[in-house]
Protein backbone atom coordinates (compact mmCIF):
# COMPACT_ATOMS: atom_id res chain seq x y z
CA MET A 1 -32.40 68.65 29.91
CA GLU A 2 -30.38 67.13 32.15
CA ILE A 3 -28.52 63.88 31.58
CA TYR A 4 -27.51 61.16 34.34
CA LEU A 5 -25.56 58.05 34.54
CA VAL A 6 -27.92 56.48 37.33
CA GLY A 7 -28.04 52.78 39.23
CA GLY A 8 -26.44 50.36 39.02
CA ALA A 9 -23.40 51.42 35.93
CA VAL A 10 -22.12 54.17 39.00
CA ARG A 11 -22.51 51.59 42.10
CA ASP A 12 -20.10 48.93 39.77
CA GLN A 13 -17.92 51.91 39.00
CA LEU A 14 -17.90 52.98 42.65
CA LEU A 15 -16.99 49.11 43.33
CA LYS A 16 -14.68 48.45 40.96
CA GLN A 17 -16.64 45.87 39.49
CA THR A 18 -17.36 46.11 35.18
CA VAL A 19 -19.28 47.62 33.87
CA LYS A 20 -21.46 45.76 31.75
CA ASP A 21 -24.60 48.07 31.42
CA LYS A 22 -25.03 51.70 31.32
CA ASP A 23 -28.16 53.34 31.95
CA TYR A 24 -29.49 57.62 32.24
CA VAL A 25 -31.87 59.50 33.68
CA VAL A 26 -33.40 62.27 31.54
CA VAL A 27 -34.55 64.90 33.66
CA GLY A 28 -35.96 68.09 32.40
CA ALA A 29 -37.54 66.70 29.09
CA SER A 30 -40.60 65.10 27.56
CA VAL A 31 -41.04 62.57 25.42
CA GLU A 32 -41.08 64.63 22.16
CA GLN A 33 -38.05 66.15 23.10
CA MET A 34 -36.38 62.86 23.13
CA LEU A 35 -37.96 61.94 20.20
CA SER A 36 -37.25 64.15 18.27
CA GLN A 37 -33.18 64.32 18.89
CA GLY A 38 -33.69 60.63 17.29
CA PHE A 39 -33.95 58.43 20.65
CA ARG A 40 -36.17 55.09 19.81
CA GLN A 41 -38.63 55.03 22.26
CA VAL A 42 -39.24 51.14 23.59
CA GLY A 43 -40.52 51.19 27.61
CA LYS A 44 -44.06 50.26 27.88
CA ASP A 45 -44.85 51.25 31.18
CA PHE A 46 -43.09 54.38 31.24
CA PRO A 47 -40.99 56.33 28.97
CA VAL A 48 -37.79 54.26 28.16
CA PHE A 49 -35.78 55.12 25.27
CA LEU A 50 -32.98 54.21 23.29
CA HIS A 51 -29.93 56.17 22.11
CA PRO A 52 -29.09 56.46 18.17
CA LYS A 53 -25.54 54.81 18.52
CA THR A 54 -25.13 53.52 21.91
CA GLN A 55 -28.43 52.15 22.31
CA HIS A 56 -27.58 52.85 25.70
CA GLU A 57 -31.20 53.34 27.78
CA TYR A 58 -31.97 56.83 28.51
CA ALA A 59 -35.38 56.71 31.19
CA LEU A 60 -37.18 59.88 31.36
CA ALA A 61 -36.82 61.40 35.55
CA ARG A 62 -40.38 59.50 37.01
CA THR A 63 -42.08 59.45 40.47
CA GLU A 64 -44.16 55.49 41.28
CA ARG A 65 -47.30 55.48 43.70
CA LYS A 66 -49.17 52.69 44.60
CA THR A 67 -52.32 52.03 43.21
CA GLY A 68 -52.86 47.93 43.76
CA SER A 69 -51.15 44.87 44.07
CA GLY A 70 -48.01 43.18 43.12
CA TYR A 71 -44.93 44.91 41.40
CA GLY A 72 -47.03 46.43 38.73
CA GLY A 73 -49.81 47.89 40.92
CA PHE A 74 -47.97 51.20 40.03
CA SER A 75 -49.14 54.82 38.94
CA VAL A 76 -45.95 56.34 37.00
CA TYR A 77 -45.98 60.22 36.40
CA ALA A 78 -42.52 61.19 33.83
CA LYS A 79 -43.43 64.81 33.33
CA ASP A 80 -40.65 67.46 32.87
CA ASP A 81 -40.95 68.46 36.34
CA VAL A 82 -39.64 65.32 37.86
CA THR A 83 -36.86 66.47 39.39
CA LEU A 84 -33.67 63.92 40.22
CA ALA A 85 -33.62 63.72 43.50
CA GLN A 86 -37.01 62.11 43.23
CA ASP A 87 -36.30 59.65 40.97
CA LEU A 88 -33.95 58.74 43.29
CA LEU A 89 -35.92 58.58 45.93
CA ARG A 90 -38.11 55.58 44.36
CA ARG A 91 -35.24 53.03 43.61
CA ASP A 92 -34.80 50.20 46.38
CA LEU A 93 -31.46 50.12 47.30
CA THR A 94 -28.77 53.01 48.50
CA ILE A 95 -26.44 51.82 47.01
CA ASN A 96 -28.63 51.53 43.32
CA ALA A 97 -29.43 55.16 44.37
CA MET A 98 -26.40 57.38 43.35
CA ALA A 99 -26.30 59.13 40.16
CA GLN A 100 -23.04 60.74 37.73
CA ASP A 101 -23.36 63.93 36.24
CA ALA A 102 -21.60 64.20 33.03
CA ARG A 103 -18.35 65.96 35.29
CA GLY A 104 -18.22 63.13 37.03
CA LYS A 105 -19.86 64.73 40.42
CA ILE A 106 -21.60 60.97 42.40
CA ILE A 107 -24.63 63.00 43.20
CA ASP A 108 -25.23 61.03 46.45
CA PRO A 109 -28.49 61.68 48.64
CA HIS A 110 -29.04 58.19 50.37
CA GLY A 111 -25.88 57.74 51.68
CA GLY A 112 -25.00 55.73 48.93
CA GLN A 113 -21.42 55.59 49.62
CA ARG A 114 -21.07 54.63 52.81
CA ASP A 115 -23.01 52.01 52.63
CA ILE A 116 -20.34 50.50 50.15
CA GLN A 117 -18.16 51.53 52.36
CA GLN A 118 -19.78 49.52 55.48
CA LYS A 119 -20.17 47.08 52.27
CA GLN A 120 -24.33 47.42 53.66
CA LEU A 121 -27.18 46.99 51.35
CA ARG A 122 -29.80 49.28 53.52
CA HIS A 123 -33.59 50.02 51.66
CA VAL A 124 -33.54 53.88 50.09
CA SER A 125 -37.13 54.21 51.66
CA ASP A 126 -40.15 53.14 53.01
CA ALA A 127 -41.51 52.56 50.15
CA PHE A 128 -39.54 49.99 49.27
CA ALA A 129 -42.22 47.78 51.26
CA GLU A 130 -44.55 48.56 48.37
CA ASP A 131 -43.01 46.20 45.92
CA PRO A 132 -42.72 42.23 46.57
CA LEU A 133 -40.16 41.97 43.92
CA ARG A 134 -37.46 43.63 45.85
CA VAL A 135 -37.14 41.05 48.01
CA LEU A 136 -35.99 38.74 45.24
CA ARG A 137 -33.69 41.69 44.33
CA VAL A 138 -32.48 42.41 47.33
CA ALA A 139 -31.70 38.52 48.09
CA ARG A 140 -29.90 38.78 44.41
CA PHE A 141 -27.56 41.57 45.07
CA ALA A 142 -26.82 39.66 48.37
CA ALA A 143 -25.79 36.72 46.55
CA ARG A 144 -23.89 38.83 43.73
CA PHE A 145 -21.68 40.84 46.31
CA HIS A 146 -21.33 37.99 48.42
CA HIS A 147 -17.59 37.07 47.41
CA LEU A 148 -17.43 41.45 49.15
CA GLY A 149 -18.49 40.71 52.02
CA PHE A 150 -21.74 42.57 51.55
CA SER A 151 -24.77 41.56 54.09
CA ILE A 152 -28.02 42.79 54.40
CA ALA A 153 -29.06 45.95 56.85
CA PRO A 154 -31.55 43.77 59.75
CA GLU A 155 -33.67 47.18 59.43
CA THR A 156 -34.25 46.13 55.48
CA LEU A 157 -34.07 42.23 56.35
CA LEU A 158 -37.57 43.31 58.79
CA LEU A 159 -39.27 44.68 55.82
CA MET A 160 -38.63 42.00 52.90
CA LYS A 161 -39.74 39.67 56.16
CA GLN A 162 -42.89 41.89 56.23
CA ILE A 163 -43.65 41.97 52.87
CA SER A 164 -43.46 37.94 52.70
CA GLN A 165 -45.60 37.84 55.40
CA SER A 166 -48.42 40.30 53.71
CA GLY A 167 -49.21 38.30 51.10
CA GLU A 168 -48.11 40.62 48.53
CA LEU A 169 -45.74 37.91 46.69
CA SER A 170 -48.35 35.88 45.30
CA ALA A 171 -48.98 38.68 42.82
CA LEU A 172 -45.50 37.64 40.94
CA THR A 173 -44.98 36.51 38.04
CA PRO A 174 -43.70 32.95 37.52
CA GLU A 175 -41.76 34.82 34.45
CA ARG A 176 -40.68 37.13 36.97
CA ILE A 177 -39.67 35.08 39.90
CA TRP A 178 -37.80 32.99 37.05
CA LEU A 179 -36.32 35.81 35.74
CA GLU A 180 -34.70 36.60 38.76
CA ILE A 181 -33.64 33.41 39.85
CA ASP A 182 -32.20 32.52 36.57
CA LYS A 183 -29.50 35.68 37.14
CA THR A 184 -29.16 34.35 40.51
CA LEU A 185 -27.93 31.10 39.38
CA ALA A 186 -25.16 32.90 37.48
CA ALA A 187 -23.55 34.41 40.80
CA ASP A 188 -20.42 33.01 42.07
CA ASN A 189 -22.48 32.59 45.40
CA PRO A 190 -25.94 31.55 44.41
CA GLN A 191 -26.82 29.48 47.15
CA VAL A 192 -26.93 33.09 49.17
CA PHE A 193 -30.23 34.08 47.49
CA PHE A 194 -31.93 30.90 48.64
CA ASP A 195 -30.74 31.12 52.50
CA VAL A 196 -31.74 35.08 52.25
CA LEU A 197 -35.27 33.95 51.11
CA ARG A 198 -35.74 31.64 53.83
CA GLN A 199 -34.24 34.50 56.13
CA VAL A 200 -37.25 36.41 55.85
CA ASP A 201 -40.08 33.82 55.34
CA ALA A 202 -40.41 33.59 51.09
CA LEU A 203 -38.74 30.54 50.07
CA LYS A 204 -42.08 28.60 51.63
CA GLU A 205 -43.67 30.60 49.47
CA LEU A 206 -41.99 31.24 46.20
CA LEU A 207 -40.24 27.45 46.13
CA PRO A 208 -42.11 25.61 48.53
CA GLU A 209 -40.28 22.18 47.29
CA ILE A 210 -36.96 23.16 48.47
CA ASP A 211 -38.48 25.04 51.44
CA ASN A 212 -39.57 21.38 51.86
CA LEU A 213 -36.09 20.35 52.60
CA PHE A 214 -34.87 22.07 55.59
CA GLY A 215 -35.38 20.03 58.86
CA VAL A 216 -35.48 16.28 57.01
CA PRO A 217 -32.34 14.81 58.39
CA GLN A 218 -29.76 12.45 56.10
CA PRO A 219 -27.81 9.57 58.03
CA GLU A 220 -24.31 11.18 59.60
CA LYS A 221 -22.03 9.17 58.81
CA TRP A 222 -22.20 10.18 54.71
CA HIS A 223 -23.87 13.80 55.60
CA PRO A 224 -22.70 15.53 58.21
CA GLU A 225 -24.63 18.54 57.95
CA ILE A 226 -27.59 16.22 58.33
CA ASP A 227 -29.93 18.51 57.38
CA SER A 228 -31.08 18.03 53.57
CA GLY A 229 -31.92 21.73 53.28
CA ILE A 230 -28.34 22.88 54.43
CA HIS A 231 -26.57 20.08 51.68
CA THR A 232 -28.77 21.48 48.74
CA LEU A 233 -27.60 24.90 49.44
CA MET A 234 -23.67 23.29 50.14
CA VAL A 235 -24.32 21.33 46.67
CA LEU A 236 -25.60 24.77 44.79
CA GLN A 237 -22.35 26.39 46.36
CA GLN A 238 -19.74 24.16 44.99
CA SER A 239 -22.04 23.67 41.62
CA ALA A 240 -21.09 26.92 40.81
CA ARG A 241 -17.25 26.32 41.72
CA ILE A 242 -16.84 23.65 39.38
CA THR A 243 -18.93 24.93 36.20
CA GLN A 244 -20.58 28.24 34.85
CA ASN A 245 -23.49 26.38 33.39
CA LYS A 246 -26.86 27.52 34.91
CA ALA A 247 -28.59 24.36 33.57
CA ILE A 248 -26.05 22.32 35.39
CA ARG A 249 -26.51 24.90 38.93
CA PHE A 250 -30.19 24.13 38.86
CA GLY A 251 -30.07 20.58 38.32
CA ALA A 252 -27.35 20.40 41.88
CA LEU A 253 -30.24 22.89 42.97
CA VAL A 254 -33.16 20.72 42.63
CA HIS A 255 -31.53 17.06 42.65
CA ASP A 256 -32.42 15.98 46.33
CA LEU A 257 -36.28 17.21 46.15
CA GLY A 258 -37.97 13.87 46.49
CA LYS A 259 -35.95 13.45 50.14
CA ALA A 260 -38.55 15.93 51.33
CA LEU A 261 -41.26 12.62 50.10
CA SER A 262 -39.96 10.79 52.17
CA PRO A 263 -41.88 8.80 55.79
CA PRO A 264 -40.52 10.60 58.80
CA GLU A 265 -40.75 6.79 60.15
CA HIS A 266 -38.09 5.96 57.79
CA TRP A 267 -35.67 9.06 58.71
CA PRO A 268 -32.94 9.78 57.68
CA LYS A 269 -33.04 7.12 54.97
CA HIS A 270 -34.42 8.25 51.57
CA HIS A 271 -34.87 4.92 49.66
CA GLY A 272 -35.39 5.87 45.86
CA HIS A 273 -35.64 10.14 46.92
CA GLY A 274 -34.62 10.64 42.97
CA GLN A 275 -37.28 8.84 42.17
CA LYS A 276 -39.44 10.42 43.87
CA GLY A 277 -38.42 13.67 43.01
CA LEU A 278 -39.28 13.96 39.26
CA GLY A 279 -43.03 14.34 39.95
CA VAL A 280 -41.90 17.34 41.83
CA ILE A 281 -39.11 18.81 39.62
CA LYS A 282 -41.70 18.84 36.86
CA GLN A 283 -44.48 20.61 39.05
CA LEU A 284 -42.03 23.10 39.90
CA CYS A 285 -40.86 23.79 35.94
CA GLN A 286 -44.38 23.81 35.11
CA ARG A 287 -45.34 26.20 37.25
CA LEU A 288 -42.62 28.39 36.77
CA ARG A 289 -42.01 27.94 33.22
CA ILE A 290 -38.76 27.18 33.57
CA PRO A 291 -36.68 25.98 30.27
CA ASN A 292 -37.57 22.38 28.76
CA ASP A 293 -33.23 22.14 28.85
CA PHE A 294 -32.84 23.02 32.45
CA ARG A 295 -35.88 21.17 33.11
CA ASP A 296 -35.00 17.76 31.82
CA LEU A 297 -31.25 17.72 33.11
CA ALA A 298 -32.37 18.56 36.59
CA LEU A 299 -34.66 15.47 35.92
CA LEU A 300 -31.72 13.53 34.81
CA GLY A 301 -29.91 14.70 37.87
CA SER A 302 -32.62 13.46 39.90
CA ASP A 303 -32.91 10.42 38.40
CA GLN A 304 -29.28 9.03 38.30
CA HIS A 305 -27.44 10.52 40.92
CA GLN A 306 -27.24 7.37 42.89
CA ASN A 307 -26.61 5.62 40.20
CA VAL A 308 -23.30 7.55 39.15
CA HIS A 309 -22.04 7.81 42.91
CA ASN A 310 -22.28 4.03 43.27
CA ALA A 311 -21.12 3.71 39.59
CA PHE A 312 -17.84 1.46 40.69
CA THR A 313 -20.79 -1.23 41.85
CA LEU A 314 -22.26 -1.02 38.37
CA LYS A 315 -22.29 -4.28 36.32
CA ALA A 316 -21.63 -3.29 32.37
CA ASN A 317 -24.50 -3.62 30.91
CA THR A 318 -26.62 -1.45 33.82
CA ILE A 319 -24.19 1.70 32.36
CA ILE A 320 -24.72 0.86 28.96
CA ASN A 321 -28.89 0.74 30.18
CA ILE A 322 -27.70 4.03 32.07
CA PHE A 323 -26.96 5.71 28.48
CA ASP A 324 -29.88 4.41 26.23
CA LYS A 325 -32.42 5.83 29.23
CA ALA A 326 -30.20 9.18 29.27
CA ASP A 327 -30.11 8.94 25.82
CA PHE A 328 -25.95 10.16 25.59
CA TRP A 329 -25.56 8.47 22.35
CA ARG A 330 -28.11 11.34 20.64
CA LYS A 331 -26.89 14.24 23.42
CA PRO A 332 -23.17 13.02 24.53
CA GLU A 333 -22.86 16.81 26.54
CA ARG A 334 -25.00 15.55 28.83
CA VAL A 335 -22.63 13.34 30.75
CA GLN A 336 -20.27 15.85 31.67
CA GLN A 337 -23.31 17.99 32.85
CA LEU A 338 -24.91 14.52 34.79
CA LEU A 339 -21.62 14.12 36.56
CA LEU A 340 -20.65 17.94 37.76
CA ILE A 341 -24.24 17.92 39.40
CA CYS A 342 -22.99 14.21 40.60
CA GLU A 343 -19.90 15.79 41.90
CA ALA A 344 -21.21 18.49 43.33
CA ASP A 345 -23.41 16.00 45.41
CA SER A 346 -20.17 14.55 46.44
CA LYS A 347 -18.42 17.44 47.70
CA GLY A 348 -21.70 19.66 48.79
CA ARG A 349 -21.08 17.61 52.40
CA THR A 350 -19.52 18.70 55.43
CA GLY A 351 -15.71 17.73 55.31
CA PHE A 352 -16.42 16.11 51.78
CA GLU A 353 -15.85 19.37 50.01
CA GLU A 354 -11.80 19.11 48.67
CA THR A 355 -12.43 15.55 47.83
CA SER A 356 -11.93 14.15 44.56
CA TYR A 357 -14.64 12.28 42.76
CA PRO A 358 -13.13 9.16 40.04
CA GLN A 359 -16.95 8.27 39.57
CA ALA A 360 -16.25 10.90 36.82
CA ASP A 361 -13.78 10.07 35.33
CA TYR A 362 -14.33 5.91 35.06
CA LEU A 363 -18.24 6.66 33.47
CA GLN A 364 -16.55 9.51 31.50
CA GLN A 365 -14.03 6.73 29.69
CA CYS A 366 -16.75 3.87 29.80
CA PHE A 367 -18.67 6.14 27.53
CA ASN A 368 -16.07 7.43 25.36
CA ALA A 369 -15.08 3.95 24.60
CA ALA A 370 -18.70 2.56 24.29
CA SER A 371 -19.05 5.81 21.45
CA GLN A 372 -16.57 3.99 19.37
CA VAL A 373 -18.43 1.31 18.42
CA ASP A 374 -18.74 1.08 14.61
CA ILE A 375 -21.79 0.70 13.73
CA LYS A 376 -20.79 -0.70 9.69
CA ALA A 377 -18.40 -3.46 11.08
CA ILE A 378 -22.32 -4.74 12.18
CA LEU A 379 -23.94 -3.98 9.05
CA ASN A 380 -20.99 -5.26 7.60
CA ALA A 381 -21.42 -8.81 9.38
CA GLY A 382 -24.78 -8.89 7.92
CA PHE A 383 -27.22 -8.11 10.86
CA LYS A 384 -30.22 -7.11 10.54
CA GLY A 385 -33.84 -5.62 12.07
CA ALA A 386 -33.67 -6.20 15.27
CA GLU A 387 -30.37 -7.78 15.92
CA ILE A 388 -28.66 -4.73 14.46
CA ARG A 389 -29.75 -2.77 18.09
CA LYS A 390 -28.89 -6.06 20.10
CA GLN A 391 -25.35 -6.33 18.78
CA LEU A 392 -24.55 -2.77 18.70
CA THR A 393 -25.16 -3.16 22.39
CA LEU A 394 -23.71 -6.23 22.54
CA ALA A 395 -20.72 -4.37 21.57
CA ARG A 396 -20.87 -1.96 24.09
CA ILE A 397 -21.65 -3.39 26.86
CA ASN A 398 -18.10 -5.31 26.18
CA GLU A 399 -16.66 -1.72 25.74
CA VAL A 400 -17.46 -0.66 29.41
CA GLU A 401 -16.88 -4.36 30.67
CA ARG A 402 -12.82 -4.04 29.29
CA ILE A 403 -12.08 0.04 30.86
CA LYS A 404 -14.33 -1.75 34.06
CA GLN A 405 -10.99 -4.72 34.06
CA SER A 406 -8.52 -2.36 33.07
CA TYR A 407 -9.46 0.37 35.72
CA ASP A 408 -7.55 1.07 39.28
CA ILE A 409 -10.50 1.61 41.15
CA PRO A 410 -10.24 3.61 44.15
CA LYS A 411 -9.78 1.26 47.46
CA ALA A 412 -12.37 2.92 49.35
CA SER A 413 -15.27 2.31 46.35
CA ASN A 414 -14.63 -1.56 46.60
């Protein structure tokens, strides 16, 4: 039995990145041998075990043979005669196809170290094209390592496009697609993922709601980048600059989906696009089984981002109506989440990347003041039934009006 550290841990060591998970491959062993040494089997499709003390994953060396469609259409062979070289050959990218033995020696049969030096994401073999999930995985790696200067090798991009055009992407389950998107939303440059998918014709297959935005113009005065799709990726990029929260980043990604529904004869204007996008967001979230908290914040962002941008022109009672509709009183954390989506939207425009967004501070102050209204005083004054709610709303409106009168509204917003 020989044990090797493999995959991401070896890659990240060489990249001088923090190693989060350590995976090992075991050569020359059987399931029975692993179990006899106290390992606990957890793999369903092929033998994967957890170490009895460290809980690290140990997988038996294996080969795979394409037997059907999709990323699950493989026959796995994991006996004790499978070699390390055979196991590494089935992996996706050269930088993920390296191993390290107990003495620290790197086994690198496919040029992973060379591609790390050249900052290239390159497929190991033509078997890459057998697994459609690799289109999403490589796009995710492109986003994850974008800040290090990595790009996808041209021949790998070509294979990814061939997979997209083959129809194999349709075999991917909603859960697996969302898992890759969810992981991507944690990256420093998540917009790269969606840009790569578009380059290889996968975005229109997997996320047509986003792909439909490309080619839809916006008013140049407010959007020098003009294209709604480009703007969307810029907004996502800005959201990653200002928050680690993945739900906020998702809300930034889908805030403008309604623009794809604007009649071409009305372009570049998009009246009511925030409300038009609500049904699209619901359909997208239902199709990919996106978590409810992501969906609900995304709907709020689409519905209210125009109002937030126009905050300084809104009447006090309109602001309270927005707070009521968004249920901020029970979910006060939503205030900042919505404001961050809107700030990313404002900064996700060519030339506006470093512009301040005073609407966020203003509305946060309005909410803080309105939240201080004491319902006990209303009850002590003798109000009952529906009058209690009416008086509470009036008191909150008065607090917002007080902020509105005292707030130093920027001249550009007057």
